[in-house]
Amino acid sequence: MPRSVNSVASRARRKKILQRTKGYFGTRGNVWTVAVNTYEKAMQYQYRDRRTKKRNFRSLWIQRINAGARLHGMSYSELMGALHKKNIQINRKVLADLAMNHPEAFEMIVKAVKA
């Protein structure tokens, strides 16, 4: 019985990886074994960094809220503690946006918390 190999599917599989690594530097984009290793590593980085991105943005929002709060004589932790005591439920993303782009609205929130 002759050996059966599905060369159409094999070629498609290789072509898919090589298409995805197109544009990579040097042999990373066109040599099969190097491209596979590079692609697998890229997928690991992608998976990891989708989580890291959330951490980085939360950190950025906290820095922006802290900067805005200090302009009004409060620290970040004081502001967040006061928001929770007053039961004002507003997330850090929105607070950071207000602190950066709408300082008068942020000031009203700080005044409401201080009162």
C-alpha atoms as a PDB file:
ATOM      1  CA  MET A   1       0.000   0.000   0.000  1.00  0.00           C
ATOM      2  CA  PRO A   2       1.464   3.380  -0.934  1.00  0.00           C
ATOM      3  CA  ARG A   3       2.345   5.921   1.694  1.00  0.00           C
ATOM      4  CA  SER A   4      -0.378   8.539   2.067  1.00  0.00           C
ATOM      5  CA  VAL A   5       0.635  12.088   2.889  1.00  0.00           C
ATOM      6  CA  ASN A   6      -1.740  14.999   2.804  1.00  0.00           C
ATOM      7  CA  SER A   7       0.627  17.491   1.242  1.00  0.00           C
ATOM      8  CA  VAL A   8      -2.160  20.000   0.611  1.00  0.00           C
ATOM      9  CA  ALA A   9      -2.932  20.324   4.324  1.00  0.00           C
ATOM     10  CA  SER A  10       0.778  20.280   5.254  1.00  0.00           C
ATOM     11  CA  ARG A  11       1.535  23.068   2.802  1.00  0.00           C
ATOM     12  CA  ALA A  12      -1.462  25.077   4.016  1.00  0.00           C
ATOM     13  CA  ARG A  13      -0.295  24.709   7.606  1.00  0.00           C
ATOM     14  CA  ARG A  14       3.190  25.940   6.750  1.00  0.00           C
ATOM     15  CA  LYS A  15       1.855  28.725   4.583  1.00  0.00           C
ATOM     16  CA  LYS A  16      -0.372  29.935   7.425  1.00  0.00           C
ATOM     17  CA  ILE A  17       2.594  30.275   9.792  1.00  0.00           C
ATOM     18  CA  LEU A  18       4.781  31.928   7.156  1.00  0.00           C
ATOM     19  CA  GLN A  19       2.023  34.414   6.344  1.00  0.00           C
ATOM     20  CA  ARG A  20       1.761  35.331  10.017  1.00  0.00           C
ATOM     21  CA  THR A  21       5.520  35.828  10.366  1.00  0.00           C
ATOM     22  CA  LYS A  22       5.775  37.926   7.205  1.00  0.00           C
ATOM     23  CA  GLY A  23       7.630  41.123   7.968  1.00  0.00           C
ATOM     24  CA  TYR A  24       9.740  39.651  10.773  1.00  0.00           C
ATOM     25  CA  PHE A  25      13.476  40.401  10.599  1.00  0.00           C
ATOM     26  CA  GLY A  26      15.737  38.135   8.561  1.00  0.00           C
ATOM     27  CA  THR A  27      15.131  34.393   8.614  1.00  0.00           C
ATOM     28  CA  ARG A  28      12.426  34.741  11.262  1.00  0.00           C
ATOM     29  CA  GLY A  29       9.918  35.450   8.527  1.00  0.00           C
ATOM     30  CA  ASN A  30      10.844  32.958   5.824  1.00  0.00           C
ATOM     31  CA  VAL A  31      12.712  29.917   7.226  1.00  0.00           C
ATOM     32  CA  TRP A  32      10.172  27.378   8.439  1.00  0.00           C
ATOM     33  CA  THR A  33      11.829  26.142  11.660  1.00  0.00           C
ATOM     34  CA  VAL A  34      12.877  29.630  12.767  1.00  0.00           C
ATOM     35  CA  ALA A  35       9.482  31.069  11.829  1.00  0.00           C
ATOM     36  CA  VAL A  36       7.624  28.437  13.864  1.00  0.00           C
ATOM     37  CA  ASN A  37       9.722  29.111  16.956  1.00  0.00           C
ATOM     38  CA  THR A  38       9.353  32.865  16.542  1.00  0.00           C
ATOM     39  CA  TYR A  39       5.605  32.599  16.006  1.00  0.00           C
ATOM     40  CA  GLU A  40       5.076  30.388  19.062  1.00  0.00           C
ATOM     41  CA  LYS A  41       7.096  32.772  21.215  1.00  0.00           C
ATOM     42  CA  ALA A  42       5.118  35.720  19.841  1.00  0.00           C
ATOM     43  CA  MET A  43       1.877  34.018  20.852  1.00  0.00           C
ATOM     44  CA  GLN A  44       3.246  33.505  24.378  1.00  0.00           C
ATOM     45  CA  TYR A  45       4.152  37.184  24.611  1.00  0.00           C
ATOM     46  CA  GLN A  46       0.740  38.142  23.253  1.00  0.00           C
ATOM     47  CA  TYR A  47      -1.077  36.036  25.856  1.00  0.00           C
ATOM     48  CA  ARG A  48       1.076  37.402  28.684  1.00  0.00           C
ATOM     49  CA  ASP A  49       0.886  41.017  27.608  1.00  0.00           C
ATOM     50  CA  ARG A  50      -2.887  41.070  27.302  1.00  0.00           C
ATOM     51  CA  ARG A  51      -2.836  40.736  31.085  1.00  0.00           C
ATOM     52  CA  THR A  52       0.112  43.082  31.584  1.00  0.00           C
ATOM     53  CA  LYS A  53      -1.711  45.789  29.628  1.00  0.00           C
ATOM     54  CA  LYS A  54      -4.542  45.783  32.185  1.00  0.00           C
ATOM     55  CA  ARG A  55      -2.002  46.229  35.003  1.00  0.00           C
ATOM     56  CA  ASN A  56      -0.226  49.054  33.214  1.00  0.00           C
ATOM     57  CA  PHE A  57      -3.420  50.965  32.514  1.00  0.00           C
ATOM     58  CA  ARG A  58      -4.628  50.655  36.100  1.00  0.00           C
ATOM     59  CA  SER A  59      -1.267  51.997  37.267  1.00  0.00           C
ATOM     60  CA  LEU A  60      -1.532  54.911  34.825  1.00  0.00           C
ATOM     61  CA  TRP A  61      -5.063  55.737  36.008  1.00  0.00           C
ATOM     62  CA  ILE A  62      -3.918  55.733  39.640  1.00  0.00           C
ATOM     63  CA  GLN A  63      -1.050  58.111  38.810  1.00  0.00           C
ATOM     64  CA  ARG A  64      -3.398  60.499  37.021  1.00  0.00           C
ATOM     65  CA  ILE A  65      -5.961  60.446  39.823  1.00  0.00           C
ATOM     66  CA  ASN A  66      -3.203  61.044  42.370  1.00  0.00           C
ATOM     67  CA  ALA A  67      -1.888  64.027  40.403  1.00  0.00           C
ATOM     68  CA  GLY A  68      -5.389  65.484  40.142  1.00  0.00           C
ATOM     69  CA  ALA A  69      -6.147  64.878  43.811  1.00  0.00           C
ATOM     70  CA  ARG A  70      -2.923  66.532  44.961  1.00  0.00           C
ATOM     71  CA  LEU A  71      -3.909  69.704  43.100  1.00  0.00           C
ATOM     72  CA  HIS A  72      -6.861  69.859  45.507  1.00  0.00           C
ATOM     73  CA  GLY A  73      -4.925  69.041  48.670  1.00  0.00           C
ATOM     74  CA  MET A  74      -5.640  65.312  48.925  1.00  0.00           C
ATOM     75  CA  SER A  75      -3.655  62.180  48.265  1.00  0.00           C
ATOM     76  CA  TYR A  76      -4.882  59.320  46.115  1.00  0.00           C
ATOM     77  CA  SER A  77      -5.585  57.063  49.081  1.00  0.00           C
ATOM     78  CA  GLU A  78      -7.472  59.795  50.946  1.00  0.00           C
ATOM     79  CA  LEU A  79      -9.603  60.501  47.871  1.00  0.00           C
ATOM     80  CA  MET A  80     -10.412  56.844  47.226  1.00  0.00           C
ATOM     81  CA  GLY A  81     -11.194  56.222  50.907  1.00  0.00           C
ATOM     82  CA  ALA A  82     -13.511  59.232  50.988  1.00  0.00           C
ATOM     83  CA  LEU A  83     -15.230  58.112  47.769  1.00  0.00           C
ATOM     84  CA  HIS A  84     -15.955  54.724  49.318  1.00  0.00           C
ATOM     85  CA  LYS A  85     -17.239  56.295  52.550  1.00  0.00           C
ATOM     86  CA  LYS A  86     -19.571  58.606  50.610  1.00  0.00           C
ATOM     87  CA  ASN A  87     -20.619  55.576  48.528  1.00  0.00           C
ATOM     88  CA  ILE A  88     -19.739  57.327  45.263  1.00  0.00           C
ATOM     89  CA  GLN A  89     -19.194  54.487  42.825  1.00  0.00           C
ATOM     90  CA  ILE A  90     -17.000  55.735  39.998  1.00  0.00           C
ATOM     91  CA  ASN A  91     -14.222  53.651  38.551  1.00  0.00           C
ATOM     92  CA  ARG A  92     -10.581  54.625  38.183  1.00  0.00           C
ATOM     93  CA  LYS A  93     -10.718  54.807  34.408  1.00  0.00           C
ATOM     94  CA  VAL A  94     -13.441  57.466  34.465  1.00  0.00           C
ATOM     95  CA  LEU A  95     -11.834  59.335  37.377  1.00  0.00           C
ATOM     96  CA  ALA A  96      -8.521  59.469  35.524  1.00  0.00           C
ATOM     97  CA  ASP A  97     -10.250  60.760  32.404  1.00  0.00           C
ATOM     98  CA  LEU A  98     -11.988  63.459  34.427  1.00  0.00           C
ATOM     99  CA  ALA A  99      -8.728  64.435  36.127  1.00  0.00           C
ATOM    100  CA  MET A 100      -6.950  64.786  32.773  1.00  0.00           C
ATOM    101  CA  ASN A 101      -9.602  66.142  30.408  1.00  0.00           C
ATOM    102  CA  HIS A 102     -12.288  67.697  32.625  1.00  0.00           C
ATOM    103  CA  PRO A 103     -10.579  69.189  35.689  1.00  0.00           C
ATOM    104  CA  GLU A 104     -13.652  71.219  36.701  1.00  0.00           C
ATOM    105  CA  ALA A 105     -15.762  68.034  36.916  1.00  0.00           C
ATOM    106  CA  PHE A 106     -12.999  66.327  38.882  1.00  0.00           C
ATOM    107  CA  GLU A 107     -12.866  69.309  41.235  1.00  0.00           C
ATOM    108  CA  MET A 108     -16.620  68.994  41.847  1.00  0.00           C
ATOM    109  CA  ILE A 109     -16.145  65.344  42.810  1.00  0.00           C
ATOM    110  CA  VAL A 110     -13.337  66.250  45.204  1.00  0.00           C
ATOM    111  CA  LYS A 111     -15.502  68.988  46.761  1.00  0.00           C
ATOM    112  CA  ALA A 112     -18.395  66.566  47.158  1.00  0.00           C
ATOM    113  CA  VAL A 113     -16.085  64.133  48.910  1.00  0.00           C
ATOM    114  CA  LYS A 114     -14.587  66.773  51.206  1.00  0.00           C
ATOM    115  CA  ALA A 115     -17.997  68.083  52.311  1.00  0.00           C
END
